[in-house]
Protein backbone atom coordinates (compact mmCIF):
# COMPACT_ATOMS: atom_id res chain seq x y z
CA MET A 1 4.50 2.50 19.08
CA ASN A 2 2.77 4.86 21.47
CA PRO A 3 0.25 7.41 20.13
CA ASP A 4 2.68 10.35 20.37
CA GLU A 5 5.36 8.49 18.42
CA GLN A 6 2.78 7.41 15.85
CA GLN A 7 1.62 11.00 15.37
CA LYS A 8 5.22 12.16 14.92
CA THR A 9 5.75 9.46 12.30
CA LEU A 10 2.57 10.46 10.46
CA ASP A 11 3.59 14.13 10.59
CA ARG A 12 6.99 13.30 9.06
CA TRP A 13 5.32 11.36 6.23
CA LYS A 14 2.84 14.20 5.72
CA SER A 15 5.65 16.72 5.34
CA SER A 16 7.49 14.44 2.90
CA ALA A 17 4.50 13.63 0.65
CA ALA A 18 5.36 16.40 -1.82
CA TYR A 19 8.92 15.06 -2.12
CA TRP A 20 7.69 11.52 -2.88
CA ASP A 21 5.34 12.92 -5.52
CA LYS A 22 7.95 15.19 -7.10
CA TYR A 23 10.48 12.37 -7.43
CA ARG A 24 7.99 9.57 -8.15
CA ASN A 25 9.70 8.44 -11.37
CA VAL A 26 13.14 8.15 -9.78
CA ILE A 27 11.70 6.39 -6.73
CA ALA A 28 9.68 4.01 -8.93
CA GLN A 29 12.85 3.08 -10.85
CA LEU A 30 14.83 2.67 -7.64
CA PHE A 31 12.26 0.35 -6.08
CA ALA A 32 11.17 -1.41 -9.31
CA PRO A 33 13.00 -4.65 -8.48
CA VAL A 34 11.30 -4.80 -5.07
CA THR A 35 7.92 -4.05 -6.62
CA ALA A 36 8.44 -6.79 -9.22
CA ALA A 37 9.46 -9.31 -6.55
CA LEU A 38 6.49 -8.37 -4.39
CA ILE A 39 4.07 -8.83 -7.29
CA GLU A 40 5.67 -12.15 -8.22
CA GLU A 41 5.61 -13.43 -4.64
CA ALA A 42 1.94 -12.44 -4.27
CA ARG A 43 1.14 -14.16 -7.59
CA ILE A 44 -0.84 -11.15 -8.80
CA ARG A 45 -2.65 -11.71 -12.09
CA PRO A 46 -5.52 -10.29 -14.15
CA GLY A 47 -8.93 -10.27 -12.51
CA GLN A 48 -7.77 -10.20 -8.90
CA LYS A 49 -8.86 -7.84 -6.13
CA VAL A 50 -5.69 -6.55 -4.48
CA LEU A 51 -5.23 -4.53 -1.29
CA ASP A 52 -2.14 -2.30 -1.01
CA VAL A 53 -1.48 -1.42 2.64
CA GLY A 54 0.48 1.79 3.15
CA GLY A 55 0.74 2.61 -0.54
CA GLY A 56 2.59 5.90 -0.11
CA SER A 57 2.69 7.99 -3.27
CA GLY A 58 1.07 5.22 -5.30
CA GLU A 59 3.43 2.33 -5.83
CA PRO A 60 2.97 -0.56 -6.06
CA SER A 61 -0.79 0.12 -6.53
CA LEU A 62 -0.34 1.88 -9.86
CA THR A 63 1.72 -0.95 -11.31
CA ILE A 64 -0.65 -3.58 -9.91
CA ALA A 65 -3.67 -1.81 -11.44
CA ALA A 66 -2.19 -2.40 -14.88
CA ILE A 67 -1.57 -6.08 -14.10
CA VAL A 68 -5.05 -6.90 -12.73
CA ALA A 69 -6.55 -5.11 -15.75
CA SER A 70 -10.12 -3.89 -16.14
CA ASN A 71 -11.63 -7.06 -14.69
CA GLY A 72 -9.58 -6.71 -11.49
CA SER A 73 -9.21 -3.93 -8.95
CA VAL A 74 -6.81 -2.37 -6.50
CA MET A 75 -7.66 -0.81 -3.16
CA TYR A 76 -4.89 1.60 -2.19
CA THR A 77 -4.67 2.57 1.49
CA ASP A 78 -2.46 4.96 3.40
CA PRO A 79 -2.95 6.90 6.66
CA VAL A 80 -1.40 10.12 5.28
CA GLU A 81 -3.75 12.45 3.40
CA GLY A 82 -0.99 13.96 1.24
CA MET A 83 0.12 10.53 0.06
CA VAL A 84 -3.46 9.57 -0.81
CA GLN A 85 -3.89 12.78 -2.78
CA ALA A 86 -0.62 12.26 -4.66
CA ALA A 87 -1.55 8.68 -5.54
CA GLN A 88 -5.04 9.70 -6.69
CA ALA A 89 -3.63 12.44 -8.90
CA GLU A 90 -1.15 10.07 -10.52
CA ALA A 91 -3.83 7.42 -11.13
CA ALA A 92 -6.02 10.06 -12.77
CA ARG A 93 -3.09 11.25 -14.89
CA ARG A 94 -2.59 7.66 -16.08
CA GLY A 95 -6.29 7.17 -16.72
CA LEU A 96 -6.57 4.23 -14.32
CA THR A 97 -10.15 3.39 -13.47
CA ASN A 98 -9.72 0.12 -11.56
CA ILE A 99 -8.14 1.62 -8.46
CA GLU A 100 -9.82 3.07 -5.38
CA PHE A 101 -8.28 5.09 -2.56
CA LYS A 102 -8.91 5.00 1.16
CA GLN A 103 -7.16 7.01 3.84
CA CYS A 104 -6.90 4.61 6.76
CA SER A 105 -4.49 2.93 9.13
CA ALA A 106 -3.41 -0.69 8.68
CA ASP A 107 -4.64 -1.55 12.16
CA ALA A 108 -8.22 -0.49 11.35
CA LEU A 109 -9.01 -1.56 7.77
CA PRO A 110 -12.58 -0.51 6.87
CA PHE A 111 -13.34 -3.49 4.64
CA PRO A 112 -15.50 -6.58 5.11
CA ASP A 113 -13.93 -9.93 5.88
CA HIS A 114 -12.45 -11.80 2.91
CA SER A 115 -12.75 -8.82 0.52
CA PHE A 116 -9.45 -9.31 -1.33
CA ASP A 117 -7.60 -12.06 -3.18
CA THR A 118 -4.26 -10.75 -2.01
CA ALA A 119 -2.67 -7.99 0.05
CA VAL A 120 0.70 -6.34 -0.43
CA ALA A 121 2.74 -3.78 1.45
CA ARG A 122 5.98 -2.33 0.14
CA PHE A 123 8.11 -0.67 2.81
CA SER A 124 5.19 0.26 5.05
CA ALA A 125 4.92 -2.50 7.67
CA MET A 126 7.89 -1.11 9.60
CA PHE A 127 5.78 1.95 10.35
CA PHE A 128 2.58 0.25 11.50
CA ALA A 129 1.55 1.65 14.89
CA ASP A 130 0.48 -1.80 16.06
CA PRO A 131 2.02 -4.45 13.78
CA VAL A 132 0.19 -7.41 15.37
CA THR A 133 -3.22 -5.76 15.03
CA ALA A 134 -2.36 -4.65 11.49
CA MET A 135 -1.45 -8.20 10.47
CA ARG A 136 -4.68 -9.50 11.99
CA GLU A 137 -6.60 -6.91 10.00
CA VAL A 138 -4.83 -7.83 6.77
CA LEU A 139 -5.47 -11.53 7.32
CA ARG A 140 -9.12 -10.76 8.13
CA VAL A 141 -9.75 -8.97 4.83
CA VAL A 142 -7.90 -11.44 2.59
CA ARG A 143 -9.94 -14.42 1.45
CA GLN A 144 -9.12 -17.89 2.63
CA ASN A 145 -6.29 -19.31 0.50
CA GLY A 146 -5.42 -15.77 -0.62
CA SER A 147 -1.91 -14.40 -0.33
CA VAL A 148 -0.15 -11.72 1.67
CA SER A 149 3.23 -10.39 0.60
CA PHE A 150 5.13 -7.66 2.42
CA ALA A 151 8.57 -6.18 1.73
CA VAL A 152 10.40 -4.52 4.64
CA TRP A 153 13.94 -3.30 5.02
CA GLY A 154 14.51 -3.86 8.71
CA PRO A 155 13.27 -3.48 12.27
CA GLU A 156 11.75 -0.18 13.34
CA LYS A 157 14.77 0.81 15.46
CA SER A 158 16.96 0.53 12.36
CA ASN A 159 14.88 2.89 10.24
């Protein structure tokens, strides 16, 4: 995706952030089966350090934070400021203390090598500006023998 197209995509997500926040409960119910499958596939369990790439309005990070419990942690990432703010507000409302938030792009993850046990992305990979670089970044920050689990709905041209 060229830089102009990427900026247009980010602008569309920025303008829709309030919608995703307003309808978070309906959206969470709608995507709950995908979230559950993603968590199962990634083998997420208590005590793990999990990276959520392109976490949108907070899911699946918020659900994962409950699973990894107080001895685990979640690092939520998203390139859109409004999405990060919505996710932070919801985590605070729920009293979650084992989740951190970082506004960043998937193709430039600001974390040291092998920082996470697993990485997940629910319906975000289709929007990565540079999918190959993003996957390299994800693999770089996940520990050896860790897991990576992404859910996508189709190629970019179909979105």
